[in-house]
N, C-alpha and C. Protein backbone atom coordinates (compact mmCIF):
# COMPACT_ATOMS: atom_id res chain seq x y z
N MET A 1 59.87 -44.27 66.31
CA MET A 1 60.11 -44.42 64.89
C MET A 1 59.11 -45.42 64.33
N SER A 2 58.68 -45.18 63.11
CA SER A 2 57.73 -46.08 62.48
C SER A 2 58.01 -46.14 60.99
N ARG A 3 57.55 -47.21 60.37
CA ARG A 3 57.70 -47.33 58.91
C ARG A 3 56.39 -47.00 58.26
N THR A 4 56.47 -46.29 57.14
CA THR A 4 55.30 -45.94 56.36
C THR A 4 55.71 -45.92 54.90
N THR A 5 54.78 -45.67 54.00
CA THR A 5 55.11 -45.61 52.59
C THR A 5 55.53 -44.19 52.25
N SER A 6 56.63 -44.05 51.54
CA SER A 6 57.17 -42.75 51.18
C SER A 6 56.36 -42.12 50.07
N ALA A 7 56.03 -40.85 50.22
CA ALA A 7 55.40 -40.10 49.14
C ALA A 7 56.40 -39.81 48.04
N LEU A 8 57.68 -39.92 48.35
CA LEU A 8 58.71 -39.64 47.37
C LEU A 8 58.95 -40.80 46.43
N GLY A 9 59.18 -41.97 46.98
CA GLY A 9 59.59 -43.06 46.12
C GLY A 9 58.68 -44.26 46.14
N GLY A 10 57.66 -44.27 46.97
CA GLY A 10 56.74 -45.38 47.02
C GLY A 10 57.21 -46.52 47.90
N GLY A 11 58.48 -46.55 48.30
CA GLY A 11 59.00 -47.62 49.14
C GLY A 11 58.89 -47.24 50.59
N PRO A 12 59.34 -48.12 51.48
CA PRO A 12 59.26 -47.80 52.90
C PRO A 12 60.21 -46.67 53.25
N LEU A 13 59.79 -45.83 54.14
CA LEU A 13 60.59 -44.72 54.60
C LEU A 13 60.49 -44.68 56.11
N LEU A 14 61.59 -44.50 56.77
CA LEU A 14 61.58 -44.43 58.22
C LEU A 14 61.16 -43.03 58.63
N VAL A 15 60.16 -42.93 59.46
CA VAL A 15 59.69 -41.64 59.94
C VAL A 15 60.19 -41.45 61.35
N VAL A 16 60.87 -40.36 61.62
CA VAL A 16 61.39 -40.08 62.94
C VAL A 16 60.48 -39.04 63.58
N SER A 17 59.87 -39.39 64.69
CA SER A 17 58.99 -38.46 65.39
C SER A 17 59.74 -37.89 66.58
N VAL A 18 59.81 -36.59 66.67
CA VAL A 18 60.45 -35.93 67.79
C VAL A 18 59.33 -35.36 68.65
N LEU A 19 59.14 -35.91 69.83
CA LEU A 19 58.05 -35.52 70.69
C LEU A 19 58.43 -34.43 71.67
N ASP A 20 59.72 -34.28 71.95
CA ASP A 20 60.17 -33.31 72.92
C ASP A 20 60.25 -31.93 72.28
N GLY A 21 59.29 -31.06 72.56
CA GLY A 21 59.26 -29.73 71.98
C GLY A 21 60.40 -28.85 72.46
N GLY A 22 61.12 -29.25 73.51
CA GLY A 22 62.21 -28.45 74.03
C GLY A 22 63.52 -28.67 73.30
N MET A 23 63.56 -29.60 72.35
CA MET A 23 64.80 -29.87 71.63
C MET A 23 65.10 -28.72 70.67
N ASP A 24 66.36 -28.30 70.62
CA ASP A 24 66.71 -27.24 69.69
C ASP A 24 66.88 -27.83 68.29
N ARG A 25 66.89 -26.96 67.31
CA ARG A 25 66.96 -27.38 65.91
C ARG A 25 68.21 -28.21 65.63
N ALA A 26 69.34 -27.82 66.18
CA ALA A 26 70.59 -28.55 65.94
C ALA A 26 70.49 -29.99 66.45
N SER A 27 69.86 -30.17 67.59
CA SER A 27 69.69 -31.51 68.15
C SER A 27 68.79 -32.37 67.25
N VAL A 28 67.72 -31.76 66.77
CA VAL A 28 66.81 -32.49 65.86
C VAL A 28 67.55 -32.87 64.59
N ARG A 29 68.32 -31.92 64.02
CA ARG A 29 69.08 -32.20 62.80
C ARG A 29 70.10 -33.32 63.03
N ARG A 30 70.78 -33.31 64.18
CA ARG A 30 71.75 -34.36 64.50
C ARG A 30 71.09 -35.72 64.53
N ARG A 31 69.94 -35.80 65.18
CA ARG A 31 69.22 -37.07 65.26
C ARG A 31 68.74 -37.52 63.89
N LEU A 32 68.27 -36.57 63.09
CA LEU A 32 67.81 -36.91 61.75
C LEU A 32 68.97 -37.41 60.90
N ARG A 33 70.12 -36.76 61.00
CA ARG A 33 71.31 -37.22 60.27
C ARG A 33 71.67 -38.65 60.65
N ALA A 34 71.63 -38.94 61.95
CA ALA A 34 71.95 -40.29 62.42
C ALA A 34 70.97 -41.31 61.86
N ALA A 35 69.68 -40.96 61.85
CA ALA A 35 68.67 -41.88 61.33
C ALA A 35 68.85 -42.10 59.83
N LEU A 36 69.12 -41.03 59.09
CA LEU A 36 69.32 -41.16 57.64
C LEU A 36 70.58 -41.94 57.32
N SER A 37 71.62 -41.73 58.10
CA SER A 37 72.86 -42.50 57.88
C SER A 37 72.63 -43.98 58.11
N ALA A 38 71.84 -44.31 59.12
CA ALA A 38 71.54 -45.71 59.40
C ALA A 38 70.77 -46.34 58.25
N LEU A 39 69.91 -45.58 57.64
CA LEU A 39 69.13 -46.09 56.51
C LEU A 39 69.94 -46.21 55.25
N ASP A 40 70.98 -45.42 55.13
CA ASP A 40 71.72 -45.30 53.90
C ASP A 40 72.25 -46.62 53.38
N ASP A 41 72.63 -47.51 54.26
CA ASP A 41 73.18 -48.79 53.82
C ASP A 41 72.16 -49.65 53.10
N THR A 42 70.88 -49.46 53.37
CA THR A 42 69.85 -50.30 52.76
C THR A 42 69.12 -49.60 51.63
N GLN A 43 69.46 -48.37 51.34
CA GLN A 43 68.75 -47.60 50.32
C GLN A 43 69.59 -47.46 49.06
N ALA A 44 68.94 -47.53 47.90
CA ALA A 44 69.61 -47.28 46.64
C ALA A 44 69.57 -45.80 46.31
N GLU A 45 68.84 -45.04 47.12
CA GLU A 45 68.70 -43.62 46.89
C GLU A 45 69.60 -42.85 47.85
N GLY A 46 69.87 -41.60 47.49
CA GLY A 46 70.59 -40.71 48.38
C GLY A 46 69.62 -39.68 48.93
N VAL A 47 69.92 -39.16 50.10
CA VAL A 47 69.07 -38.16 50.74
C VAL A 47 69.89 -36.90 50.98
N LEU A 48 69.31 -35.75 50.63
CA LEU A 48 69.93 -34.47 50.92
C LEU A 48 68.98 -33.65 51.79
N LEU A 49 69.52 -33.00 52.82
CA LEU A 49 68.77 -32.01 53.58
C LEU A 49 69.30 -30.67 53.13
N VAL A 50 68.40 -29.79 52.69
CA VAL A 50 68.79 -28.54 52.06
C VAL A 50 68.18 -27.37 52.82
N ASP A 51 68.95 -26.28 52.99
CA ASP A 51 68.38 -25.09 53.63
C ASP A 51 67.69 -24.24 52.57
N ALA A 52 67.06 -23.15 52.99
CA ALA A 52 66.29 -22.30 52.08
C ALA A 52 67.16 -21.69 50.98
N ALA A 53 68.44 -21.51 51.23
CA ALA A 53 69.34 -20.92 50.24
C ALA A 53 69.90 -21.94 49.27
N GLY A 54 69.52 -23.21 49.42
CA GLY A 54 70.00 -24.24 48.52
C GLY A 54 71.32 -24.86 48.92
N ARG A 55 71.79 -24.53 50.12
CA ARG A 55 73.02 -25.16 50.62
C ARG A 55 72.68 -26.54 51.17
N ILE A 56 73.54 -27.48 50.93
CA ILE A 56 73.34 -28.84 51.43
C ILE A 56 73.80 -28.89 52.86
N GLU A 57 72.86 -29.15 53.77
CA GLU A 57 73.20 -29.25 55.19
C GLU A 57 73.65 -30.67 55.55
N PHE A 58 73.10 -31.65 54.85
CA PHE A 58 73.44 -33.04 55.10
C PHE A 58 73.29 -33.81 53.80
N ALA A 59 74.24 -34.66 53.50
CA ALA A 59 74.16 -35.56 52.36
C ALA A 59 74.44 -36.96 52.87
N SER A 60 73.53 -37.88 52.61
CA SER A 60 73.75 -39.26 53.02
C SER A 60 74.95 -39.81 52.26
N CYS A 61 75.50 -40.89 52.75
CA CYS A 61 76.70 -41.47 52.13
C CYS A 61 76.50 -41.77 50.64
N SER A 62 75.31 -42.19 50.25
CA SER A 62 75.08 -42.53 48.85
C SER A 62 74.75 -41.32 47.98
N ALA A 63 74.39 -40.17 48.58
CA ALA A 63 74.03 -38.99 47.80
C ALA A 63 75.23 -38.42 47.05
N GLY A 64 76.37 -38.34 47.72
CA GLY A 64 77.57 -37.79 47.08
C GLY A 64 77.97 -38.53 45.82
N PRO A 65 78.12 -39.87 45.90
CA PRO A 65 78.48 -40.61 44.69
C PRO A 65 77.44 -40.48 43.56
N ILE A 66 76.16 -40.41 43.92
CA ILE A 66 75.14 -40.25 42.88
C ILE A 66 75.32 -38.91 42.17
N LEU A 67 75.49 -37.83 42.94
CA LEU A 67 75.70 -36.52 42.33
C LEU A 67 76.98 -36.48 41.51
N SER A 68 78.06 -37.04 42.05
CA SER A 68 79.33 -36.97 41.33
C SER A 68 79.30 -37.84 40.08
N HIS A 69 78.63 -38.99 40.13
CA HIS A 69 78.56 -39.86 38.95
C HIS A 69 77.67 -39.27 37.87
N CYS A 70 76.51 -38.76 38.26
CA CYS A 70 75.55 -38.25 37.28
C CYS A 70 75.91 -36.86 36.76
N LEU A 71 76.35 -35.98 37.65
CA LEU A 71 76.57 -34.59 37.27
C LEU A 71 78.00 -34.13 37.39
N GLU A 72 78.88 -35.02 37.85
CA GLU A 72 80.30 -34.71 38.02
C GLU A 72 80.50 -33.46 38.89
N VAL A 73 79.75 -33.40 40.01
CA VAL A 73 79.90 -32.31 40.97
C VAL A 73 80.07 -32.91 42.35
N ARG A 74 80.65 -32.13 43.25
CA ARG A 74 80.77 -32.55 44.64
C ARG A 74 79.58 -32.00 45.41
N ALA A 75 79.14 -32.72 46.43
CA ALA A 75 77.94 -32.35 47.17
C ALA A 75 78.25 -31.32 48.25
N ALA A 76 78.44 -30.05 47.86
CA ALA A 76 78.59 -28.97 48.82
C ALA A 76 77.41 -28.02 48.68
N ARG A 77 77.07 -27.73 47.44
CA ARG A 77 75.88 -26.95 47.10
C ARG A 77 75.12 -27.72 46.04
N LEU A 78 73.85 -27.42 45.93
CA LEU A 78 73.07 -28.06 44.88
C LEU A 78 73.60 -27.63 43.53
N PRO A 79 73.71 -28.54 42.59
CA PRO A 79 74.09 -28.15 41.23
C PRO A 79 73.07 -27.13 40.70
N GLU A 80 73.52 -26.24 39.84
CA GLU A 80 72.69 -25.12 39.36
C GLU A 80 71.35 -25.57 38.80
N GLN A 81 71.35 -26.62 38.00
CA GLN A 81 70.11 -27.10 37.39
C GLN A 81 69.10 -27.55 38.45
N ILE A 82 69.57 -28.23 39.49
CA ILE A 82 68.69 -28.68 40.56
C ILE A 82 68.29 -27.50 41.44
N ALA A 83 69.22 -26.58 41.71
CA ALA A 83 68.92 -25.41 42.54
C ALA A 83 67.84 -24.55 41.91
N ASP A 84 67.90 -24.34 40.60
CA ASP A 84 66.88 -23.54 39.90
C ASP A 84 65.51 -24.20 40.03
N TRP A 85 65.46 -25.51 39.82
CA TRP A 85 64.20 -26.24 39.96
C TRP A 85 63.71 -26.18 41.40
N HIS A 86 64.60 -26.37 42.35
CA HIS A 86 64.25 -26.39 43.77
C HIS A 86 63.67 -25.05 44.22
N ALA A 87 64.19 -23.95 43.70
CA ALA A 87 63.73 -22.62 44.09
C ALA A 87 62.32 -22.32 43.58
N ASN A 88 61.93 -22.95 42.48
CA ASN A 88 60.67 -22.58 41.83
C ASN A 88 59.60 -23.65 41.85
N ALA A 89 59.92 -24.87 42.17
CA ALA A 89 58.93 -25.94 42.03
C ALA A 89 59.12 -27.01 43.09
N ARG A 90 58.17 -27.90 43.13
CA ARG A 90 58.24 -29.09 43.97
C ARG A 90 57.84 -30.27 43.10
N GLY A 91 58.05 -31.45 43.60
CA GLY A 91 57.70 -32.63 42.82
C GLY A 91 58.96 -33.36 42.39
N THR A 92 59.09 -33.60 41.08
CA THR A 92 60.18 -34.41 40.57
C THR A 92 60.84 -33.73 39.38
N ILE A 93 62.16 -33.84 39.30
CA ILE A 93 62.90 -33.41 38.12
C ILE A 93 63.73 -34.61 37.66
N VAL A 94 63.79 -34.79 36.36
CA VAL A 94 64.58 -35.87 35.78
C VAL A 94 65.68 -35.23 34.96
N ILE A 95 66.92 -35.59 35.26
CA ILE A 95 68.07 -35.07 34.55
C ILE A 95 68.75 -36.24 33.88
N ALA A 96 68.96 -36.13 32.58
CA ALA A 96 69.56 -37.24 31.84
C ALA A 96 70.91 -36.83 31.26
N PRO A 97 71.96 -36.83 32.10
CA PRO A 97 73.28 -36.57 31.56
C PRO A 97 73.79 -37.81 30.82
N ASP A 98 74.99 -37.76 30.34
CA ASP A 98 75.56 -38.89 29.60
C ASP A 98 75.55 -40.17 30.42
N GLY A 99 74.92 -41.21 29.90
CA GLY A 99 75.03 -42.53 30.48
C GLY A 99 74.07 -42.92 31.57
N SER A 100 73.42 -41.98 32.26
CA SER A 100 72.51 -42.37 33.32
C SER A 100 71.46 -41.28 33.50
N THR A 101 70.48 -41.58 34.34
CA THR A 101 69.40 -40.64 34.60
C THR A 101 69.33 -40.39 36.10
N LEU A 102 69.33 -39.13 36.48
CA LEU A 102 69.21 -38.74 37.87
C LEU A 102 67.79 -38.25 38.10
N VAL A 103 67.09 -38.87 39.04
CA VAL A 103 65.74 -38.45 39.40
C VAL A 103 65.83 -37.80 40.78
N VAL A 104 65.34 -36.56 40.89
CA VAL A 104 65.37 -35.83 42.14
C VAL A 104 63.92 -35.52 42.53
N GLU A 105 63.54 -35.97 43.72
CA GLU A 105 62.19 -35.73 44.22
C GLU A 105 62.29 -34.89 45.49
N ALA A 106 61.37 -33.93 45.63
CA ALA A 106 61.38 -33.05 46.80
C ALA A 106 60.23 -33.38 47.72
N SER A 107 60.48 -33.25 49.02
CA SER A 107 59.40 -33.40 49.99
C SER A 107 58.47 -32.19 49.87
N VAL A 108 57.34 -32.25 50.54
CA VAL A 108 56.37 -31.17 50.47
C VAL A 108 56.99 -29.83 50.86
N GLY A 109 57.75 -29.79 51.92
CA GLY A 109 58.39 -28.55 52.35
C GLY A 109 59.60 -28.18 51.52
N GLY A 110 60.12 -29.11 50.77
CA GLY A 110 61.27 -28.85 49.91
C GLY A 110 62.62 -28.94 50.59
N SER A 111 62.64 -29.23 51.90
CA SER A 111 63.92 -29.26 52.59
C SER A 111 64.62 -30.60 52.49
N THR A 112 63.91 -31.62 52.00
CA THR A 112 64.50 -32.94 51.83
C THR A 112 64.40 -33.34 50.37
N LEU A 113 65.52 -33.76 49.80
CA LEU A 113 65.55 -34.21 48.42
C LEU A 113 65.97 -35.68 48.40
N LEU A 114 65.29 -36.48 47.60
CA LEU A 114 65.63 -37.88 47.44
C LEU A 114 66.23 -38.03 46.04
N LEU A 115 67.46 -38.56 45.97
CA LEU A 115 68.16 -38.75 44.70
C LEU A 115 68.17 -40.22 44.36
N SER A 116 67.88 -40.54 43.12
CA SER A 116 68.05 -41.92 42.68
C SER A 116 68.59 -41.93 41.27
N GLU A 117 69.48 -42.85 41.03
CA GLU A 117 70.08 -43.01 39.72
C GLU A 117 69.38 -44.17 39.03
N GLN A 118 68.93 -43.93 37.81
CA GLN A 118 68.21 -44.96 37.08
C GLN A 118 68.89 -45.20 35.75
N PRO A 119 68.69 -46.37 35.18
CA PRO A 119 69.30 -46.62 33.88
C PRO A 119 68.73 -45.68 32.84
N SER A 120 69.55 -45.32 31.87
CA SER A 120 69.06 -44.43 30.83
C SER A 120 68.53 -45.24 29.67
N GLY A 121 67.87 -44.54 28.80
CA GLY A 121 67.36 -45.15 27.59
C GLY A 121 66.12 -45.96 27.79
N VAL A 122 65.94 -46.91 26.91
CA VAL A 122 64.74 -47.74 26.89
C VAL A 122 64.61 -48.54 28.19
N ALA A 123 65.72 -48.85 28.84
CA ALA A 123 65.68 -49.67 30.06
C ALA A 123 64.92 -49.01 31.19
N MET A 124 64.79 -47.68 31.18
CA MET A 124 64.08 -47.02 32.27
C MET A 124 62.56 -47.08 32.10
N LEU A 125 62.08 -47.50 30.94
CA LEU A 125 60.64 -47.60 30.70
C LEU A 125 60.12 -48.97 31.13
N THR A 126 58.89 -48.98 31.60
CA THR A 126 58.26 -50.26 31.93
C THR A 126 57.91 -50.98 30.64
N ALA A 127 57.57 -52.25 30.75
CA ALA A 127 57.19 -53.02 29.55
C ALA A 127 55.98 -52.39 28.87
N ARG A 128 55.00 -51.95 29.65
CA ARG A 128 53.79 -51.35 29.07
C ARG A 128 54.11 -50.02 28.39
N GLU A 129 54.99 -49.24 29.00
CA GLU A 129 55.39 -47.97 28.38
C GLU A 129 56.10 -48.21 27.06
N ARG A 130 56.91 -49.27 26.99
CA ARG A 130 57.57 -49.61 25.72
C ARG A 130 56.54 -50.03 24.68
N GLU A 131 55.51 -50.79 25.09
CA GLU A 131 54.44 -51.17 24.16
C GLU A 131 53.73 -49.94 23.61
N VAL A 132 53.41 -49.01 24.50
CA VAL A 132 52.74 -47.78 24.08
C VAL A 132 53.62 -47.02 23.10
N MET A 133 54.91 -46.92 23.38
CA MET A 133 55.81 -46.18 22.48
C MET A 133 55.98 -46.88 21.13
N ARG A 134 55.91 -48.22 21.10
CA ARG A 134 55.94 -48.93 19.80
C ARG A 134 54.72 -48.55 18.98
N CYS A 135 53.57 -48.43 19.64
CA CYS A 135 52.35 -48.01 18.94
C CYS A 135 52.45 -46.57 18.46
N VAL A 136 53.03 -45.70 19.29
CA VAL A 136 53.24 -44.31 18.90
C VAL A 136 54.13 -44.26 17.67
N GLU A 137 55.15 -45.10 17.66
CA GLU A 137 56.09 -45.16 16.54
C GLU A 137 55.38 -45.55 15.23
N GLU A 138 54.32 -46.35 15.37
CA GLU A 138 53.52 -46.75 14.20
C GLU A 138 52.57 -45.64 13.76
N GLY A 139 52.47 -44.57 14.55
CA GLY A 139 51.61 -43.46 14.19
C GLY A 139 50.19 -43.57 14.71
N LEU A 140 49.95 -44.47 15.67
CA LEU A 140 48.60 -44.65 16.19
C LEU A 140 48.22 -43.52 17.15
N THR A 141 46.93 -43.20 17.19
CA THR A 141 46.40 -42.21 18.14
C THR A 141 46.22 -42.89 19.50
N ASN A 142 45.93 -42.09 20.53
CA ASN A 142 45.69 -42.67 21.85
C ASN A 142 44.53 -43.65 21.83
N THR A 143 43.47 -43.32 21.10
CA THR A 143 42.30 -44.20 21.01
C THR A 143 42.67 -45.51 20.33
N GLN A 144 43.45 -45.43 19.26
CA GLN A 144 43.88 -46.65 18.56
C GLN A 144 44.80 -47.50 19.43
N ILE A 145 45.70 -46.85 20.16
CA ILE A 145 46.60 -47.57 21.06
C ILE A 145 45.78 -48.27 22.14
N ALA A 146 44.80 -47.56 22.70
CA ALA A 146 43.94 -48.13 23.74
C ALA A 146 43.23 -49.38 23.23
N GLY A 147 42.71 -49.31 22.01
CA GLY A 147 42.03 -50.47 21.43
C GLY A 147 42.97 -51.64 21.23
N ARG A 148 44.16 -51.38 20.76
CA ARG A 148 45.12 -52.45 20.51
C ARG A 148 45.58 -53.12 21.80
N LEU A 149 45.79 -52.31 22.85
CA LEU A 149 46.33 -52.83 24.11
C LEU A 149 45.25 -53.19 25.13
N TRP A 150 44.00 -52.99 24.78
CA TRP A 150 42.88 -53.30 25.66
C TRP A 150 42.93 -52.50 26.96
N ILE A 151 43.19 -51.21 26.81
CA ILE A 151 43.19 -50.30 27.95
C ILE A 151 42.39 -49.05 27.57
N GLN A 152 42.16 -48.19 28.52
CA GLN A 152 41.42 -46.95 28.28
C GLN A 152 42.33 -45.88 27.68
N PRO A 153 41.78 -44.97 26.85
CA PRO A 153 42.60 -43.87 26.31
C PRO A 153 43.23 -43.01 27.42
N THR A 154 42.55 -42.85 28.54
CA THR A 154 43.14 -42.08 29.64
C THR A 154 44.37 -42.79 30.21
N THR A 155 44.35 -44.12 30.18
CA THR A 155 45.51 -44.89 30.65
C THR A 155 46.68 -44.71 29.68
N VAL A 156 46.38 -44.68 28.39
CA VAL A 156 47.42 -44.42 27.39
C VAL A 156 48.05 -43.06 27.65
N ARG A 157 47.20 -42.06 27.88
CA ARG A 157 47.69 -40.71 28.15
C ARG A 157 48.59 -40.70 29.40
N LYS A 158 48.20 -41.42 30.43
CA LYS A 158 48.99 -41.49 31.66
C LYS A 158 50.34 -42.15 31.40
N HIS A 159 50.34 -43.25 30.62
CA HIS A 159 51.60 -43.91 30.27
C HIS A 159 52.52 -42.94 29.51
N LEU A 160 51.93 -42.18 28.59
CA LEU A 160 52.73 -41.21 27.83
C LEU A 160 53.30 -40.12 28.73
N GLU A 161 52.51 -39.66 29.71
CA GLU A 161 53.01 -38.67 30.66
C GLU A 161 54.22 -39.22 31.41
N HIS A 162 54.14 -40.48 31.82
CA HIS A 162 55.27 -41.10 32.54
C HIS A 162 56.49 -41.22 31.63
N VAL A 163 56.28 -41.60 30.38
CA VAL A 163 57.38 -41.70 29.42
C VAL A 163 58.03 -40.34 29.24
N PHE A 164 57.21 -39.30 29.04
CA PHE A 164 57.75 -37.95 28.83
C PHE A 164 58.57 -37.51 30.03
N ALA A 165 58.07 -37.78 31.24
CA ALA A 165 58.80 -37.39 32.45
C ALA A 165 60.12 -38.15 32.56
N LYS A 166 60.10 -39.44 32.29
CA LYS A 166 61.32 -40.24 32.39
C LYS A 166 62.37 -39.82 31.37
N LEU A 167 61.91 -39.42 30.19
CA LEU A 167 62.84 -39.04 29.13
C LEU A 167 63.18 -37.55 29.16
N GLY A 168 62.43 -36.78 29.97
CA GLY A 168 62.68 -35.34 30.05
C GLY A 168 62.25 -34.60 28.80
N VAL A 169 61.14 -35.03 28.20
CA VAL A 169 60.63 -34.40 26.98
C VAL A 169 59.17 -33.99 27.20
N GLY A 170 58.60 -33.29 26.22
CA GLY A 170 57.25 -32.80 26.38
C GLY A 170 56.24 -33.31 25.37
N ASN A 171 56.69 -34.10 24.38
CA ASN A 171 55.73 -34.58 23.38
C ASN A 171 56.21 -35.89 22.75
N ARG A 172 55.32 -36.47 21.92
CA ARG A 172 55.58 -37.77 21.29
C ARG A 172 56.81 -37.74 20.39
N THR A 173 56.91 -36.69 19.58
CA THR A 173 58.01 -36.59 18.63
C THR A 173 59.35 -36.56 19.34
N ALA A 174 59.43 -35.76 20.40
CA ALA A 174 60.68 -35.67 21.16
C ALA A 174 60.99 -36.99 21.84
N ALA A 175 59.96 -37.68 22.35
CA ALA A 175 60.16 -38.98 23.00
C ALA A 175 60.71 -39.99 21.99
N LEU A 176 60.10 -40.05 20.82
CA LEU A 176 60.58 -40.98 19.79
C LEU A 176 62.01 -40.66 19.38
N SER A 177 62.29 -39.38 19.23
CA SER A 177 63.64 -38.96 18.85
C SER A 177 64.66 -39.41 19.90
N LYS A 178 64.33 -39.22 21.17
CA LYS A 178 65.24 -39.61 22.24
C LYS A 178 65.42 -41.13 22.28
N LEU A 179 64.32 -41.88 22.11
CA LEU A 179 64.42 -43.34 22.11
C LEU A 179 65.26 -43.84 20.94
N HIS A 180 65.12 -43.21 19.78
CA HIS A 180 65.93 -43.59 18.62
C HIS A 180 67.41 -43.31 18.89
N ALA A 181 67.70 -42.19 19.56
CA ALA A 181 69.09 -41.86 19.90
C ALA A 181 69.66 -42.88 20.87
N PHE A 182 68.84 -43.33 21.85
CA PHE A 182 69.31 -44.35 22.80
C PHE A 182 69.62 -45.65 22.06
N ARG A 183 68.76 -46.02 21.13
CA ARG A 183 68.99 -47.26 20.36
C ARG A 183 70.25 -47.15 19.53
N ALA A 184 70.48 -45.98 18.94
CA ALA A 184 71.66 -45.78 18.10
C ALA A 184 72.94 -45.88 18.95
N GLU A 185 72.89 -45.33 20.18
CA GLU A 185 74.04 -45.41 21.08
C GLU A 185 74.34 -46.85 21.48
N ALA A 186 73.26 -47.63 21.65
CA ALA A 186 73.43 -49.02 22.11
C ALA A 186 74.00 -49.91 21.02
N SER A 187 73.81 -49.53 19.76
CA SER A 187 74.31 -50.40 18.70
C SER A 187 75.69 -50.06 18.24
């Protein structure tokens, strides 16, 4: 076993290497479940192992509560919204139900999903992303925002992409609308 940086979340991830080619799949899965369970106490994320049909083969101890809190479902099968995304894409999906945000990231093969619950609203944005959105609210272009914040226009575009992904929207207007709704809920 070794520690490396996770492609999913950027934090440390325990990598389990199985060197014995004679081990059957069930034995490998059992060992992987044991390793993931051991990690579960130190992780804020939940881990799901999923088969090709979208059935959950293993859910870490923290995965169930995350799914039930965010989506009010039990972890037996993937919720429909996640299953549809899982069948067609890889990468990250952000789901923003009432009160919190569920971020689901898939491994390259798609058989492992990492779940994390993040605060909703303005709190999920970094300080720089909030600065960029204040400039957007003033009606500034990417070039004008870059000049004001002393960054490159491509960096502004990247910050906006991150904001859109976190808020689950596709453009500036929708992002501003969602941020205004979060502020209204908070007051």
